[in-house]
Amino acid sequence: MVEQTVAQFRQRDKLLIAVTPEGTRSNAEQWKLGFYHIAKQANVPIILALADYQAKTFSFPVVIYPGDDMEADLQQIYAHFASATPKHPGKLSVPVREHYRK
């Protein structure tokens, strides 16, 4: 899937995809990282989309260009998701829950 998506980015002038890294409605132990590998290999940014149910807002808080330190990039992503109040806090994935302080 990653290779096919990267190929699509290389074949087009414009392409946007939306990916939910958890891929589940419950508290996942870890994220699926295909979105990160796609962005890195296709040399495209990751634009976070963040819904905050308490504030009733939807934002795009940061654009991340994957670098050489995937773990640092992921920690930044997890922290941004943890900064918002989810609809179901009990269903946060483990990586986000570790940053969540609400």
PDB file of N, CA and C in Angstrom:
ATOM      1  N   MET A   1       0.825  -1.196   0.000  1.00  0.00           N
ATOM      2  CA  MET A   1       0.000   0.000   0.000  1.00  0.00           C
ATOM      3  C   MET A   1       0.870   1.261   0.000  1.00  0.00           C
ATOM      4  N   VAL A   2       1.916   1.265   0.814  1.00  0.00           N
ATOM      5  CA  VAL A   2       2.798   2.441   0.878  1.00  0.00           C
ATOM      6  C   VAL A   2       3.407   2.710  -0.491  1.00  0.00           C
ATOM      7  N   GLU A   3       3.970   1.694  -1.118  1.00  0.00           N
ATOM      8  CA  GLU A   3       4.639   1.874  -2.404  1.00  0.00           C
ATOM      9  C   GLU A   3       3.659   2.352  -3.480  1.00  0.00           C
ATOM     10  N   GLN A   4       2.454   1.806  -3.470  1.00  0.00           N
ATOM     11  CA  GLN A   4       1.452   2.209  -4.459  1.00  0.00           C
ATOM     12  C   GLN A   4       1.052   3.673  -4.267  1.00  0.00           C
ATOM     13  N   THR A   5       0.916   4.087  -3.029  1.00  0.00           N
ATOM     14  CA  THR A   5       0.535   5.472  -2.754  1.00  0.00           C
ATOM     15  C   THR A   5       1.665   6.425  -3.116  1.00  0.00           C
ATOM     16  N   VAL A   6       2.892   6.053  -2.786  1.00  0.00           N
ATOM     17  CA  VAL A   6       4.052   6.878  -3.151  1.00  0.00           C
ATOM     18  C   VAL A   6       4.109   7.023  -4.675  1.00  0.00           C
ATOM     19  N   ALA A   7       3.850   5.941  -5.398  1.00  0.00           N
ATOM     20  CA  ALA A   7       3.848   5.996  -6.865  1.00  0.00           C
ATOM     21  C   ALA A   7       2.791   6.972  -7.374  1.00  0.00           C
ATOM     22  N   GLN A   8       1.623   7.004  -6.746  1.00  0.00           N
ATOM     23  CA  GLN A   8       0.569   7.944  -7.140  1.00  0.00           C
ATOM     24  C   GLN A   8       1.017   9.390  -6.938  1.00  0.00           C
ATOM     25  N   PHE A   9       1.707   9.663  -5.838  1.00  0.00           N
ATOM     26  CA  PHE A   9       2.227  11.010  -5.600  1.00  0.00           C
ATOM     27  C   PHE A   9       3.217  11.396  -6.693  1.00  0.00           C
ATOM     28  N   ARG A  10       4.033  10.472  -7.115  1.00  0.00           N
ATOM     29  CA  ARG A  10       5.058  10.760  -8.128  1.00  0.00           C
ATOM     30  C   ARG A  10       4.454  10.950  -9.517  1.00  0.00           C
ATOM     31  N   GLN A  11       3.283  10.390  -9.758  1.00  0.00           N
ATOM     32  CA  GLN A  11       2.652  10.470 -11.073  1.00  0.00           C
ATOM     33  C   GLN A  11       1.762  11.698 -11.240  1.00  0.00           C
ATOM     34  N   ARG A  12       1.483  12.400 -10.167  1.00  0.00           N
ATOM     35  CA  ARG A  12       0.514  13.504 -10.230  1.00  0.00           C
ATOM     36  C   ARG A  12       1.148  14.820  -9.805  1.00  0.00           C
ATOM     37  N   ASP A  13       0.594  15.902 -10.348  1.00  0.00           N
ATOM     38  CA  ASP A  13       1.021  17.229  -9.914  1.00  0.00           C
ATOM     39  C   ASP A  13       0.411  17.574  -8.564  1.00  0.00           C
ATOM     40  N   LYS A  14      -0.816  17.119  -8.324  1.00  0.00           N
ATOM     41  CA  LYS A  14      -1.517  17.404  -7.075  1.00  0.00           C
ATOM     42  C   LYS A  14      -2.199  16.138  -6.589  1.00  0.00           C
ATOM     43  N   LEU A  15      -2.048  15.876  -5.310  1.00  0.00           N
ATOM     44  CA  LEU A  15      -2.720  14.733  -4.698  1.00  0.00           C
ATOM     45  C   LEU A  15      -2.798  14.969  -3.199  1.00  0.00           C
ATOM     46  N   LEU A  16      -3.975  14.807  -2.667  1.00  0.00           N
ATOM     47  CA  LEU A  16      -4.200  14.881  -1.225  1.00  0.00           C
ATOM     48  C   LEU A  16      -4.798  13.562  -0.778  1.00  0.00           C
ATOM     49  N   ILE A  17      -4.319  13.047   0.330  1.00  0.00           N
ATOM     50  CA  ILE A  17      -4.941  11.859   0.912  1.00  0.00           C
ATOM     51  C   ILE A  17      -5.162  12.125   2.398  1.00  0.00           C
ATOM     52  N   ALA A  18      -6.183  11.514   2.924  1.00  0.00           N
ATOM     53  CA  ALA A  18      -6.470  11.613   4.355  1.00  0.00           C
ATOM     54  C   ALA A  18      -6.324  10.224   4.948  1.00  0.00           C
ATOM     55  N   VAL A  19      -5.572  10.148   6.018  1.00  0.00           N
ATOM     56  CA  VAL A  19      -5.295   8.860   6.653  1.00  0.00           C
ATOM     57  C   VAL A  19      -5.557   8.992   8.144  1.00  0.00           C
ATOM     58  N   THR A  20      -6.241   8.022   8.711  1.00  0.00           N
ATOM     59  CA  THR A  20      -6.398   7.969  10.158  1.00  0.00           C
ATOM     60  C   THR A  20      -5.445   6.891  10.661  1.00  0.00           C
ATOM     61  N   PRO A  21      -4.364   7.278  11.314  1.00  0.00           N
ATOM     62  CA  PRO A  21      -3.332   6.310  11.681  1.00  0.00           C
ATOM     63  C   PRO A  21      -3.754   5.249  12.676  1.00  0.00           C
ATOM     64  N   GLU A  22      -4.761   5.518  13.487  1.00  0.00           N
ATOM     65  CA  GLU A  22      -5.179   4.499  14.437  1.00  0.00           C
ATOM     66  C   GLU A  22      -5.945   3.388  13.748  1.00  0.00           C
ATOM     67  N   GLY A  23      -6.778   3.732  12.798  1.00  0.00           N
ATOM     68  CA  GLY A  23      -7.515   2.731  12.042  1.00  0.00           C
ATOM     69  C   GLY A  23      -8.507   1.937  12.857  1.00  0.00           C
ATOM     70  N   THR A  24      -8.946   2.480  13.975  1.00  0.00           N
ATOM     71  CA  THR A  24      -9.855   1.753  14.847  1.00  0.00           C
ATOM     72  C   THR A  24     -10.691   2.744  15.641  1.00  0.00           C
ATOM     73  N   ARG A  25     -11.713   2.253  16.295  1.00  0.00           N
ATOM     74  CA  ARG A  25     -12.537   3.120  17.150  1.00  0.00           C
ATOM     75  C   ARG A  25     -12.256   2.875  18.621  1.00  0.00           C
ATOM     76  N   SER A  26     -11.228   2.122  18.912  1.00  0.00           N
ATOM     77  CA  SER A  26     -10.902   1.848  20.313  1.00  0.00           C
ATOM     78  C   SER A  26      -9.453   2.206  20.585  1.00  0.00           C
ATOM     79  N   ASN A  27      -9.052   2.089  21.817  1.00  0.00           N
ATOM     80  CA  ASN A  27      -7.723   2.523  22.241  1.00  0.00           C
ATOM     81  C   ASN A  27      -6.622   1.572  21.749  1.00  0.00           C
ATOM     82  N   ALA A  28      -6.085   1.873  20.593  1.00  0.00           N
ATOM     83  CA  ALA A  28      -5.046   1.048  19.979  1.00  0.00           C
ATOM     84  C   ALA A  28      -3.753   1.129  20.784  1.00  0.00           C
ATOM     85  N   GLU A  29      -3.041   0.036  20.817  1.00  0.00           N
ATOM     86  CA  GLU A  29      -1.746   0.004  21.509  1.00  0.00           C
ATOM     87  C   GLU A  29      -0.695   0.809  20.764  1.00  0.00           C
ATOM     88  N   GLN A  30      -0.796   0.829  19.449  1.00  0.00           N
ATOM     89  CA  GLN A  30       0.157   1.590  18.644  1.00  0.00           C
ATOM     90  C   GLN A  30      -0.523   2.037  17.358  1.00  0.00           C
ATOM     91  N   TRP A  31       0.099   2.998  16.697  1.00  0.00           N
ATOM     92  CA  TRP A  31      -0.427   3.479  15.428  1.00  0.00           C
ATOM     93  C   TRP A  31       0.154   2.676  14.280  1.00  0.00           C
ATOM     94  N   LYS A  32      -0.595   2.581  13.217  1.00  0.00           N
ATOM     95  CA  LYS A  32      -0.066   2.075  11.965  1.00  0.00           C
ATOM     96  C   LYS A  32       0.686   3.247  11.338  1.00  0.00           C
ATOM     97  N   LEU A  33       1.888   3.018  10.861  1.00  0.00           N
ATOM     98  CA  LEU A  33       2.762   4.112  10.449  1.00  0.00           C
ATOM     99  C   LEU A  33       2.881   4.283   8.943  1.00  0.00           C
ATOM    100  N   GLY A  34       1.962   3.676   8.182  1.00  0.00           N
ATOM    101  CA  GLY A  34       2.001   3.836   6.735  1.00  0.00           C
ATOM    102  C   GLY A  34       1.953   5.294   6.316  1.00  0.00           C
ATOM    103  N   PHE A  35       1.149   6.108   6.998  1.00  0.00           N
ATOM    104  CA  PHE A  35       1.049   7.533   6.654  1.00  0.00           C
ATOM    105  C   PHE A  35       2.415   8.209   6.718  1.00  0.00           C
ATOM    106  N   TYR A  36       3.211   7.832   7.720  1.00  0.00           N
ATOM    107  CA  TYR A  36       4.531   8.447   7.885  1.00  0.00           C
ATOM    108  C   TYR A  36       5.470   7.997   6.761  1.00  0.00           C
ATOM    109  N   HIS A  37       5.464   6.707   6.461  1.00  0.00           N
ATOM    110  CA  HIS A  37       6.341   6.180   5.419  1.00  0.00           C
ATOM    111  C   HIS A  37       5.963   6.733   4.042  1.00  0.00           C
ATOM    112  N   ILE A  38       4.678   6.910   3.799  1.00  0.00           N
ATOM    113  CA  ILE A  38       4.234   7.516   2.543  1.00  0.00           C
ATOM    114  C   ILE A  38       4.789   8.926   2.432  1.00  0.00           C
ATOM    115  N   ALA A  39       4.591   9.731   3.473  1.00  0.00           N
ATOM    116  CA  ALA A  39       5.051  11.120   3.445  1.00  0.00           C
ATOM    117  C   ALA A  39       6.565  11.203   3.257  1.00  0.00           C
ATOM    118  N   LYS A  40       7.286  10.369   3.970  1.00  0.00           N
ATOM    119  CA  LYS A  40       8.755  10.384   3.889  1.00  0.00           C
ATOM    120  C   LYS A  40       9.217  10.001   2.485  1.00  0.00           C
ATOM    121  N   GLN A  41       8.709   8.891   1.956  1.00  0.00           N
ATOM    122  CA  GLN A  41       9.163   8.408   0.651  1.00  0.00           C
ATOM    123  C   GLN A  41       8.697   9.293  -0.504  1.00  0.00           C
ATOM    124  N   ALA A  42       7.522   9.893  -0.372  1.00  0.00           N
ATOM    125  CA  ALA A  42       6.995  10.752  -1.433  1.00  0.00           C
ATOM    126  C   ALA A  42       7.480  12.195  -1.287  1.00  0.00           C
ATOM    127  N   ASN A  43       8.173  12.468  -0.204  1.00  0.00           N
ATOM    128  CA  ASN A  43       8.681  13.813   0.078  1.00  0.00           C
ATOM    129  C   ASN A  43       7.543  14.839   0.110  1.00  0.00           C
ATOM    130  N   VAL A  44       6.500  14.496   0.871  1.00  0.00           N
ATOM    131  CA  VAL A  44       5.350  15.380   1.039  1.00  0.00           C
ATOM    132  C   VAL A  44       5.125  15.612   2.534  1.00  0.00           C
ATOM    133  N   PRO A  45       4.477  16.716   2.884  1.00  0.00           N
ATOM    134  CA  PRO A  45       4.244  17.003   4.308  1.00  0.00           C
ATOM    135  C   PRO A  45       3.092  16.208   4.893  1.00  0.00           C
ATOM    136  N   ILE A  46       3.122  16.118   6.204  1.00  0.00           N
ATOM    137  CA  ILE A  46       2.011  15.575   6.981  1.00  0.00           C
ATOM    138  C   ILE A  46       1.316  16.793   7.581  1.00  0.00           C
ATOM    139  N   ILE A  47       0.062  16.976   7.243  1.00  0.00           N
ATOM    140  CA  ILE A  47      -0.716  18.101   7.768  1.00  0.00           C
ATOM    141  C   ILE A  47      -1.704  17.522   8.770  1.00  0.00           C
ATOM    142  N   LEU A  48      -1.528  17.870  10.024  1.00  0.00           N
ATOM    143  CA  LEU A  48      -2.415  17.336  11.056  1.00  0.00           C
ATOM    144  C   LEU A  48      -3.767  18.032  11.004  1.00  0.00           C
ATOM    145  N   ALA A  49      -4.817  17.276  11.195  1.00  0.00           N
ATOM    146  CA  ALA A  49      -6.178  17.800  11.319  1.00  0.00           C
ATOM    147  C   ALA A  49      -6.650  17.414  12.716  1.00  0.00           C
ATOM    148  N   LEU A  50      -7.059  18.387  13.478  1.00  0.00           N
ATOM    149  CA  LEU A  50      -7.338  18.183  14.885  1.00  0.00           C
ATOM    150  C   LEU A  50      -8.746  18.660  15.242  1.00  0.00           C
ATOM    151  N   ALA A  51      -9.561  17.740  15.755  1.00  0.00           N
ATOM    152  CA  ALA A  51     -10.902  18.088  16.225  1.00  0.00           C
ATOM    153  C   ALA A  51     -10.880  18.145  17.748  1.00  0.00           C
ATOM    154  N   ASP A  52     -11.325  19.258  18.300  1.00  0.00           N
ATOM    155  CA  ASP A  52     -11.404  19.415  19.749  1.00  0.00           C
ATOM    156  C   ASP A  52     -12.883  19.513  20.105  1.00  0.00           C
ATOM    157  N   TYR A  53     -13.411  18.465  20.727  1.00  0.00           N
ATOM    158  CA  TYR A  53     -14.845  18.406  21.006  1.00  0.00           C
ATOM    159  C   TYR A  53     -15.262  19.378  22.107  1.00  0.00           C
ATOM    160  N   GLN A  54     -14.397  19.628  23.081  1.00  0.00           N
ATOM    161  CA  GLN A  54     -14.762  20.569  24.151  1.00  0.00           C
ATOM    162  C   GLN A  54     -14.812  21.999  23.622  1.00  0.00           C
ATOM    163  N   ALA A  55     -13.811  22.374  22.837  1.00  0.00           N
ATOM    164  CA  ALA A  55     -13.768  23.729  22.292  1.00  0.00           C
ATOM    165  C   ALA A  55     -14.653  23.886  21.058  1.00  0.00           C
ATOM    166  N   LYS A  56     -15.115  22.752  20.518  1.00  0.00           N
ATOM    167  CA  LYS A  56     -15.925  22.759  19.296  1.00  0.00           C
ATOM    168  C   LYS A  56     -15.172  23.430  18.144  1.00  0.00           C
ATOM    169  N   THR A  57     -13.909  23.012  17.980  1.00  0.00           N
ATOM    170  CA  THR A  57     -13.074  23.564  16.922  1.00  0.00           C
ATOM    171  C   THR A  57     -12.447  22.448  16.094  1.00  0.00           C
ATOM    172  N   PHE A  58     -12.087  22.816  14.901  1.00  0.00           N
ATOM    173  CA  PHE A  58     -11.346  21.938  14.004  1.00  0.00           C
ATOM    174  C   PHE A  58     -10.200  22.769  13.472  1.00  0.00           C
ATOM    175  N   SER A  59      -8.979  22.253  13.574  1.00  0.00           N
ATOM    176  CA  SER A  59      -7.823  23.051  13.162  1.00  0.00           C
ATOM    177  C   SER A  59      -6.783  22.192  12.465  1.00  0.00           C
ATOM    178  N   PHE A  60      -5.853  22.881  11.864  1.00  0.00           N
ATOM    179  CA  PHE A  60      -4.689  22.271  11.233  1.00  0.00           C
ATOM    180  C   PHE A  60      -3.475  22.878  11.934  1.00  0.00           C
ATOM    181  N   PRO A  61      -3.096  22.349  13.104  1.00  0.00           N
ATOM    182  CA  PRO A  61      -2.127  23.026  13.971  1.00  0.00           C
ATOM    183  C   PRO A  61      -0.684  23.008  13.496  1.00  0.00           C
ATOM    184  N   VAL A  62      -0.317  22.066  12.647  1.00  0.00           N
ATOM    185  CA  VAL A  62       1.094  21.994  12.275  1.00  0.00           C
ATOM    186  C   VAL A  62       1.249  21.219  10.967  1.00  0.00           C
ATOM    187  N   VAL A  63       2.281  21.580  10.255  1.00  0.00           N
ATOM    188  CA  VAL A  63       2.700  20.849   9.060  1.00  0.00           C
ATOM    189  C   VAL A  63       4.060  20.255   9.383  1.00  0.00           C
ATOM    190  N   ILE A  64       4.176  18.959   9.221  1.00  0.00           N
ATOM    191  CA  ILE A  64       5.423  18.270   9.559  1.00  0.00           C
ATOM    192  C   ILE A  64       6.020  17.673   8.291  1.00  0.00           C
ATOM    193  N   TYR A  65       7.264  18.003   8.052  1.00  0.00           N
ATOM    194  CA  TYR A  65       8.015  17.374   6.967  1.00  0.00           C
ATOM    195  C   TYR A  65       8.846  16.284   7.617  1.00  0.00           C
ATOM    196  N   PRO A  66       8.566  15.020   7.324  1.00  0.00           N
ATOM    197  CA  PRO A  66       9.304  13.944   7.982  1.00  0.00           C
ATOM    198  C   PRO A  66      10.813  14.112   7.805  1.00  0.00           C
ATOM    199  N   GLY A  67      11.507  13.993   8.919  1.00  0.00           N
ATOM    200  CA  GLY A  67      12.957  14.152   8.910  1.00  0.00           C
ATOM    201  C   GLY A  67      13.658  12.823   9.102  1.00  0.00           C
ATOM    202  N   ASP A  68      14.840  12.910   9.659  1.00  0.00           N
ATOM    203  CA  ASP A  68      15.646  11.707   9.865  1.00  0.00           C
ATOM    204  C   ASP A  68      15.359  11.020  11.198  1.00  0.00           C
ATOM    205  N   ASP A  69      14.551  11.675  12.047  1.00  0.00           N
ATOM    206  CA  ASP A  69      14.243  11.112  13.355  1.00  0.00           C
ATOM    207  C   ASP A  69      12.736  10.859  13.456  1.00  0.00           C
ATOM    208  N   MET A  70      12.329   9.686  12.996  1.00  0.00           N
ATOM    209  CA  MET A  70      10.910   9.356  12.982  1.00  0.00           C
ATOM    210  C   MET A  70      10.310   9.433  14.382  1.00  0.00           C
ATOM    211  N   GLU A  71      11.001   8.953  15.377  1.00  0.00           N
ATOM    212  CA  GLU A  71      10.454   8.955  16.733  1.00  0.00           C
ATOM    213  C   GLU A  71      10.191  10.384  17.225  1.00  0.00           C
ATOM    214  N   ALA A  72      11.092  11.307  16.935  1.00  0.00           N
ATOM    215  CA  ALA A  72      10.877  12.708  17.332  1.00  0.00           C
ATOM    216  C   ALA A  72       9.671  13.292  16.600  1.00  0.00           C
ATOM    217  N   ASP A  73       9.554  12.983  15.313  1.00  0.00           N
ATOM    218  CA  ASP A  73       8.396  13.463  14.554  1.00  0.00           C
ATOM    219  C   ASP A  73       7.105  12.904  15.131  1.00  0.00           C
ATOM    220  N   LEU A  74       7.092  11.617  15.446  1.00  0.00           N
ATOM    221  CA  LEU A  74       5.891  10.988  16.007  1.00  0.00           C
ATOM    222  C   LEU A  74       5.537  11.577  17.365  1.00  0.00           C
ATOM    223  N   GLN A  75       6.517  11.833  18.195  1.00  0.00           N
ATOM    224  CA  GLN A  75       6.244  12.428  19.504  1.00  0.00           C
ATOM    225  C   GLN A  75       5.588  13.796  19.349  1.00  0.00           C
ATOM    226  N   GLN A  76       6.026  14.551  18.352  1.00  0.00           N
ATOM    227  CA  GLN A  76       5.419  15.858  18.081  1.00  0.00           C
ATOM    228  C   GLN A  76       3.960  15.673  17.639  1.00  0.00           C
ATOM    229  N   ILE A  77       3.720  14.705  16.799  1.00  0.00           N
ATOM    230  CA  ILE A  77       2.356  14.433  16.326  1.00  0.00           C
ATOM    231  C   ILE A  77       1.464  13.999  17.488  1.00  0.00           C
ATOM    232  N   TYR A  78       1.933  13.061  18.299  1.00  0.00           N
ATOM    233  CA  TYR A  78       1.148  12.587  19.446  1.00  0.00           C
ATOM    234  C   TYR A  78       0.809  13.751  20.383  1.00  0.00           C
ATOM    235  N   ALA A  79       1.787  14.605  20.636  1.00  0.00           N
ATOM    236  CA  ALA A  79       1.566  15.741  21.548  1.00  0.00           C
ATOM    237  C   ALA A  79       0.485  16.674  21.007  1.00  0.00           C
ATOM    238  N   HIS A  80       0.478  16.915  19.709  1.00  0.00           N
ATOM    239  CA  HIS A  80      -0.556  17.781  19.135  1.00  0.00           C
ATOM    240  C   HIS A  80      -1.931  17.154  19.290  1.00  0.00           C
ATOM    241  N   PHE A  81      -2.060  15.870  19.015  1.00  0.00           N
ATOM    242  CA  PHE A  81      -3.359  15.218  19.182  1.00  0.00           C
ATOM    243  C   PHE A  81      -3.788  15.214  20.645  1.00  0.00           C
ATOM    244  N   ALA A  82      -2.848  15.092  21.548  1.00  0.00           N
ATOM    245  CA  ALA A  82      -3.166  15.073  22.973  1.00  0.00           C
ATOM    246  C   ALA A  82      -3.573  16.445  23.497  1.00  0.00           C
ATOM    247  N   SER A  83      -3.305  17.499  22.730  1.00  0.00           N
ATOM    248  CA  SER A  83      -3.645  18.849  23.191  1.00  0.00           C
ATOM    249  C   SER A  83      -5.135  19.156  23.040  1.00  0.00           C
ATOM    250  N   ALA A  84      -5.872  18.311  22.345  1.00  0.00           N
ATOM    251  CA  ALA A  84      -7.305  18.531  22.139  1.00  0.00           C
ATOM    252  C   ALA A  84      -8.115  17.558  22.986  1.00  0.00           C
ATOM    253  N   THR A  85      -9.331  17.954  23.286  1.00  0.00           N
ATOM    254  CA  THR A  85     -10.227  17.077  24.030  1.00  0.00           C
ATOM    255  C   THR A  85     -10.992  16.197  23.037  1.00  0.00           C
ATOM    256  N   PRO A  86     -10.788  14.883  23.104  1.00  0.00           N
ATOM    257  CA  PRO A  86     -11.492  13.993  22.176  1.00  0.00           C
ATOM    258  C   PRO A  86     -12.938  13.763  22.604  1.00  0.00           C
ATOM    259  N   LYS A  87     -13.719  13.253  21.699  1.00  0.00           N
ATOM    260  CA  LYS A  87     -15.113  12.936  22.010  1.00  0.00           C
ATOM    261  C   LYS A  87     -15.175  11.828  23.060  1.00  0.00           C
ATOM    262  N   HIS A  88     -14.288  10.837  22.938  1.00  0.00           N
ATOM    263  CA  HIS A  88     -14.254   9.706  23.865  1.00  0.00           C
ATOM    264  C   HIS A  88     -12.831   9.547  24.415  1.00  0.00           C
ATOM    265  N   PRO A  89     -12.463  10.287  25.468  1.00  0.00           N
ATOM    266  CA  PRO A  89     -11.098  10.210  26.001  1.00  0.00           C
ATOM    267  C   PRO A  89     -10.668   8.799  26.384  1.00  0.00           C
ATOM    268  N   GLY A  90     -11.596   7.965  26.790  1.00  0.00           N
ATOM    269  CA  GLY A  90     -11.257   6.610  27.178  1.00  0.00           C
ATOM    270  C   GLY A  90     -10.817   5.730  26.013  1.00  0.00           C
ATOM    271  N   LYS A  91     -11.014   6.211  24.802  1.00  0.00           N
ATOM    272  CA  LYS A  91     -10.644   5.437  23.625  1.00  0.00           C
ATOM    273  C   LYS A  91      -9.365   5.947  22.955  1.00  0.00           C
ATOM    274  N   LEU A  92      -8.657   6.847  23.620  1.00  0.00           N
ATOM    275  CA  LEU A  92      -7.403   7.344  23.047  1.00  0.00           C
ATOM    276  C   LEU A  92      -6.419   6.206  22.851  1.00  0.00           C
ATOM    277  N   SER A  93      -5.653   6.276  21.789  1.00  0.00           N
ATOM    278  CA  SER A  93      -4.605   5.285  21.578  1.00  0.00           C
ATOM    279  C   SER A  93      -3.517   5.487  22.625  1.00  0.00           C
ATOM    280  N   VAL A  94      -2.774   4.449  22.890  1.00  0.00           N
ATOM    281  CA  VAL A  94      -1.724   4.515  23.908  1.00  0.00           C
ATOM    282  C   VAL A  94      -0.729   5.639  23.621  1.00  0.00           C
ATOM    283  N   PRO A  95      -0.215   5.798  22.395  1.00  0.00           N
ATOM    284  CA  PRO A  95       0.761   6.869  22.176  1.00  0.00           C
ATOM    285  C   PRO A  95       0.221   8.262  22.480  1.00  0.00           C
ATOM    286  N   VAL A  96      -1.040   8.511  22.161  1.00  0.00           N
ATOM    287  CA  VAL A  96      -1.624   9.831  22.441  1.00  0.00           C
ATOM    288  C   VAL A  96      -1.959   9.953  23.922  1.00  0.00           C
ATOM    289  N   ARG A  97      -2.483   8.894  24.501  1.00  0.00           N
ATOM    290  CA  ARG A  97      -2.851   8.913  25.926  1.00  0.00           C
ATOM    291  C   ARG A  97      -1.649   9.247  26.802  1.00  0.00           C
ATOM    292  N   GLU A  98      -0.466   8.799  26.405  1.00  0.00           N
ATOM    293  CA  GLU A  98       0.749   9.072  27.184  1.00  0.00           C
ATOM    294  C   GLU A  98       1.072  10.563  27.224  1.00  0.00           C
ATOM    295  N   HIS A  99       0.546  11.336  26.282  1.00  0.00           N
ATOM    296  CA  HIS A  99       0.767  12.790  26.248  1.00  0.00           C
ATOM    297  C   HIS A  99      -0.443  13.573  26.771  1.00  0.00           C
ATOM    298  N   TYR A 100      -1.580  12.912  26.903  1.00  0.00           N
ATOM    299  CA  TYR A 100      -2.834  13.575  27.235  1.00  0.00           C
ATOM    300  C   TYR A 100      -2.853  13.997  28.696  1.00  0.00           C
ATOM    301  N   ARG A 101      -3.165  15.249  28.948  1.00  0.00           N
ATOM    302  CA  ARG A 101      -3.123  15.784  30.315  1.00  0.00           C
ATOM    303  C   ARG A 101      -4.410  16.509  30.696  1.00  0.00           C
ATOM    304  N   LYS A 102      -5.527  16.146  30.119  1.00  0.00           N
ATOM    305  CA  LYS A 102      -6.792  16.864  30.411  1.00  0.00           C
ATOM    306  C   LYS A 102      -7.463  16.260  31.623  1.00  0.00           C
TER     307      LYS A 102
END
